[in-house]
């Protein structure tokens, strides 16, 4: 992987981690703001999608983004379906937990990719 591609991947990992973490804080703190809805939509789809697919080494940026978006939509639909079927659908806490998990996975990916960058 080229140096520029590594830095792009590290940047996406870090932005996804921060977006998911901020969105989780806004969601769990019940902050009412126009920023919350946009950030939450972005973090839920892109953040969870990148957390699930970031380990796949796709070189084409458009294809990687498409896979992350499709996976993010699928993850949130599956997640909601499971909680609704269980009869335990509490959107604020459920989405907060999903965003915390996605933030943790993306933060770990940032660290792993930084270590790979240093080793190369």
C-alpha atoms as a PDB file:
ATOM      1  CA  UNK A   1       0.000   0.000   0.000  1.00  0.00           C
ATOM      2  CA  UNK A   2       1.326   3.413  -0.918  1.00  0.00           C
ATOM      3  CA  UNK A   3       2.068   6.068   1.662  1.00  0.00           C
ATOM      4  CA  UNK A   4      -0.761   8.327   0.463  1.00  0.00           C
ATOM      5  CA  UNK A   5      -3.272   5.459   0.650  1.00  0.00           C
ATOM      6  CA  UNK A   6      -2.117   4.634   4.173  1.00  0.00           C
ATOM      7  CA  UNK A   7      -2.618   8.217   5.324  1.00  0.00           C
ATOM      8  CA  UNK A   8      -6.079   8.342   3.726  1.00  0.00           C
ATOM      9  CA  UNK A   9      -7.049   5.122   5.514  1.00  0.00           C
ATOM     10  CA  UNK A  10      -5.714   6.454   8.835  1.00  0.00           C
ATOM     11  CA  UNK A  11      -7.641   9.693   8.303  1.00  0.00           C
ATOM     12  CA  UNK A  12     -10.882   7.874   7.545  1.00  0.00           C
ATOM     13  CA  UNK A  13     -10.383   5.637  10.601  1.00  0.00           C
ATOM     14  CA  UNK A  14      -9.833   8.662  12.845  1.00  0.00           C
ATOM     15  CA  UNK A  15     -12.718  10.728  11.432  1.00  0.00           C
ATOM     16  CA  UNK A  16     -15.087   7.763  11.737  1.00  0.00           C
ATOM     17  CA  UNK A  17     -14.003   7.174  15.352  1.00  0.00           C
ATOM     18  CA  UNK A  18     -14.478  10.826  16.309  1.00  0.00           C
ATOM     19  CA  UNK A  19     -17.817  11.110  14.469  1.00  0.00           C
ATOM     20  CA  UNK A  20     -19.165   7.977  16.190  1.00  0.00           C
ATOM     21  CA  UNK A  21     -17.904   9.090  19.610  1.00  0.00           C
ATOM     22  CA  UNK A  22     -19.349  12.608  19.283  1.00  0.00           C
ATOM     23  CA  UNK A  23     -22.629  11.273  17.993  1.00  0.00           C
ATOM     24  CA  UNK A  24     -22.809   8.818  20.897  1.00  0.00           C
ATOM     25  CA  UNK A  25     -22.215  11.633  23.373  1.00  0.00           C
ATOM     26  CA  UNK A  26     -24.849  13.856  21.727  1.00  0.00           C
ATOM     27  CA  UNK A  27     -27.323  10.981  21.584  1.00  0.00           C
ATOM     28  CA  UNK A  28     -26.854   9.697  25.123  1.00  0.00           C
ATOM     29  CA  UNK A  29     -26.785  13.230  26.577  1.00  0.00           C
ATOM     30  CA  UNK A  30     -30.030  13.960  24.689  1.00  0.00           C
ATOM     31  CA  UNK A  31     -28.626  17.102  23.087  1.00  0.00           C
ATOM     32  CA  UNK A  32     -31.271  18.714  20.886  1.00  0.00           C
ATOM     33  CA  UNK A  33     -29.530  20.394  17.995  1.00  0.00           C
ATOM     34  CA  UNK A  34     -29.632  20.333  14.211  1.00  0.00           C
ATOM     35  CA  UNK A  35     -26.011  19.163  14.365  1.00  0.00           C
ATOM     36  CA  UNK A  36     -27.043  16.022  16.241  1.00  0.00           C
ATOM     37  CA  UNK A  37     -29.345  14.708  13.527  1.00  0.00           C
ATOM     38  CA  UNK A  38     -26.852  15.217  10.711  1.00  0.00           C
ATOM     39  CA  UNK A  39     -23.913  13.894  12.692  1.00  0.00           C
ATOM     40  CA  UNK A  40     -25.917  10.914  13.903  1.00  0.00           C
ATOM     41  CA  UNK A  41     -27.060   9.988  10.396  1.00  0.00           C
ATOM     42  CA  UNK A  42     -23.492  10.260   9.126  1.00  0.00           C
ATOM     43  CA  UNK A  43     -22.007   8.309  12.026  1.00  0.00           C
ATOM     44  CA  UNK A  44     -24.660   5.602  12.057  1.00  0.00           C
ATOM     45  CA  UNK A  45     -24.297   4.840   8.355  1.00  0.00           C
ATOM     46  CA  UNK A  46     -20.677   5.662   7.559  1.00  0.00           C
ATOM     47  CA  UNK A  47     -19.142   5.069  10.992  1.00  0.00           C
ATOM     48  CA  UNK A  48     -20.689   1.661  11.542  1.00  0.00           C
ATOM     49  CA  UNK A  49     -20.158   0.727   7.903  1.00  0.00           C
ATOM     50  CA  UNK A  50     -16.477   1.626   8.069  1.00  0.00           C
ATOM     51  CA  UNK A  51     -16.112  -0.193  11.392  1.00  0.00           C
ATOM     52  CA  UNK A  52     -17.497  -3.340   9.771  1.00  0.00           C
ATOM     53  CA  UNK A  53     -15.589  -3.094   6.485  1.00  0.00           C
ATOM     54  CA  UNK A  54     -12.469  -1.062   7.253  1.00  0.00           C
ATOM     55  CA  UNK A  55     -10.337  -4.190   7.483  1.00  0.00           C
ATOM     56  CA  UNK A  56     -10.989  -4.942   3.808  1.00  0.00           C
ATOM     57  CA  UNK A  57      -8.066  -3.525   1.840  1.00  0.00           C
ATOM     58  CA  UNK A  58      -9.909  -1.918  -1.078  1.00  0.00           C
ATOM     59  CA  UNK A  59      -7.720   0.461  -3.072  1.00  0.00           C
ATOM     60  CA  UNK A  60     -10.471   2.233  -5.015  1.00  0.00           C
ATOM     61  CA  UNK A  61     -11.916   4.998  -2.841  1.00  0.00           C
ATOM     62  CA  UNK A  62     -15.336   5.034  -4.520  1.00  0.00           C
ATOM     63  CA  UNK A  63     -15.730   1.284  -4.138  1.00  0.00           C
ATOM     64  CA  UNK A  64     -14.618   1.383  -0.485  1.00  0.00           C
ATOM     65  CA  UNK A  65     -17.124   4.175   0.222  1.00  0.00           C
ATOM     66  CA  UNK A  66     -19.918   2.277  -1.526  1.00  0.00           C
ATOM     67  CA  UNK A  67     -19.202  -0.887   0.447  1.00  0.00           C
ATOM     68  CA  UNK A  68     -19.066   1.073   3.729  1.00  0.00           C
ATOM     69  CA  UNK A  69     -22.353   2.877   3.017  1.00  0.00           C
ATOM     70  CA  UNK A  70     -24.178  -0.306   1.986  1.00  0.00           C
ATOM     71  CA  UNK A  71     -22.856  -2.145   5.016  1.00  0.00           C
ATOM     72  CA  UNK A  72     -23.743   0.737   7.342  1.00  0.00           C
ATOM     73  CA  UNK A  73     -27.347   0.760   6.126  1.00  0.00           C
ATOM     74  CA  UNK A  74     -27.504  -3.026   6.480  1.00  0.00           C
ATOM     75  CA  UNK A  75     -26.012  -2.984   9.982  1.00  0.00           C
ATOM     76  CA  UNK A  76     -28.469  -0.407  11.301  1.00  0.00           C
ATOM     77  CA  UNK A  77     -31.459  -2.198   9.716  1.00  0.00           C
ATOM     78  CA  UNK A  78     -30.382  -5.535  11.182  1.00  0.00           C
ATOM     79  CA  UNK A  79     -29.629  -3.947  14.557  1.00  0.00           C
ATOM     80  CA  UNK A  80     -33.049  -2.276  14.711  1.00  0.00           C
ATOM     81  CA  UNK A  81     -34.818  -5.453  13.610  1.00  0.00           C
ATOM     82  CA  UNK A  82     -33.143  -7.524  16.327  1.00  0.00           C
ATOM     83  CA  UNK A  83     -34.080  -5.074  19.075  1.00  0.00           C
ATOM     84  CA  UNK A  84     -37.654  -4.648  17.827  1.00  0.00           C
ATOM     85  CA  UNK A  85     -38.133  -8.427  17.649  1.00  0.00           C
ATOM     86  CA  UNK A  86     -36.757  -8.793  21.178  1.00  0.00           C
ATOM     87  CA  UNK A  87     -39.276  -6.214  22.348  1.00  0.00           C
ATOM     88  CA  UNK A  88     -36.507  -4.059  23.791  1.00  0.00           C
ATOM     89  CA  UNK A  89     -36.350  -1.130  21.428  1.00  0.00           C
ATOM     90  CA  UNK A  90     -35.014   1.907  23.244  1.00  0.00           C
ATOM     91  CA  UNK A  91     -33.605   3.950  20.361  1.00  0.00           C
ATOM     92  CA  UNK A  92     -31.492   6.379  22.352  1.00  0.00           C
ATOM     93  CA  UNK A  93     -29.651   3.768  24.399  1.00  0.00           C
ATOM     94  CA  UNK A  94     -29.505   1.213  21.585  1.00  0.00           C
ATOM     95  CA  UNK A  95     -28.063   3.645  19.069  1.00  0.00           C
ATOM     96  CA  UNK A  96     -25.730   5.056  21.718  1.00  0.00           C
ATOM     97  CA  UNK A  97     -24.355   1.564  22.376  1.00  0.00           C
ATOM     98  CA  UNK A  98     -23.924   0.890  18.648  1.00  0.00           C
ATOM     99  CA  UNK A  99     -22.083   4.180  18.175  1.00  0.00           C
ATOM    100  CA  UNK A 100     -19.796   3.511  21.148  1.00  0.00           C
ATOM    101  CA  UNK A 101     -18.918   0.101  19.709  1.00  0.00           C
ATOM    102  CA  UNK A 102     -18.284   1.582  16.253  1.00  0.00           C
ATOM    103  CA  UNK A 103     -16.130   4.351  17.764  1.00  0.00           C
ATOM    104  CA  UNK A 104     -14.056   1.759  19.632  1.00  0.00           C
ATOM    105  CA  UNK A 105     -13.565  -0.387  16.521  1.00  0.00           C
ATOM    106  CA  UNK A 106     -12.621   2.640  14.413  1.00  0.00           C
ATOM    107  CA  UNK A 107     -10.218   3.912  17.099  1.00  0.00           C
ATOM    108  CA  UNK A 108      -8.562   0.486  17.252  1.00  0.00           C
ATOM    109  CA  UNK A 109      -8.281   0.488  13.447  1.00  0.00           C
ATOM    110  CA  UNK A 110      -6.589   3.890  13.620  1.00  0.00           C
ATOM    111  CA  UNK A 111      -3.983   2.533  16.025  1.00  0.00           C
ATOM    112  CA  UNK A 112      -3.405  -0.618  13.950  1.00  0.00           C
ATOM    113  CA  UNK A 113      -3.035   1.376  10.732  1.00  0.00           C
ATOM    114  CA  UNK A 114      -0.612   3.796  12.399  1.00  0.00           C
ATOM    115  CA  UNK A 115       1.499   0.865  13.572  1.00  0.00           C
ATOM    116  CA  UNK A 116       1.465  -0.583  10.044  1.00  0.00           C
ATOM    117  CA  UNK A 117       2.520   2.798   8.674  1.00  0.00           C
ATOM    118  CA  UNK A 118       5.464   2.994  11.066  1.00  0.00           C
ATOM    119  CA  UNK A 119       6.529  -0.584  10.313  1.00  0.00           C
ATOM    120  CA  UNK A 120       6.560   0.054   6.559  1.00  0.00           C
END
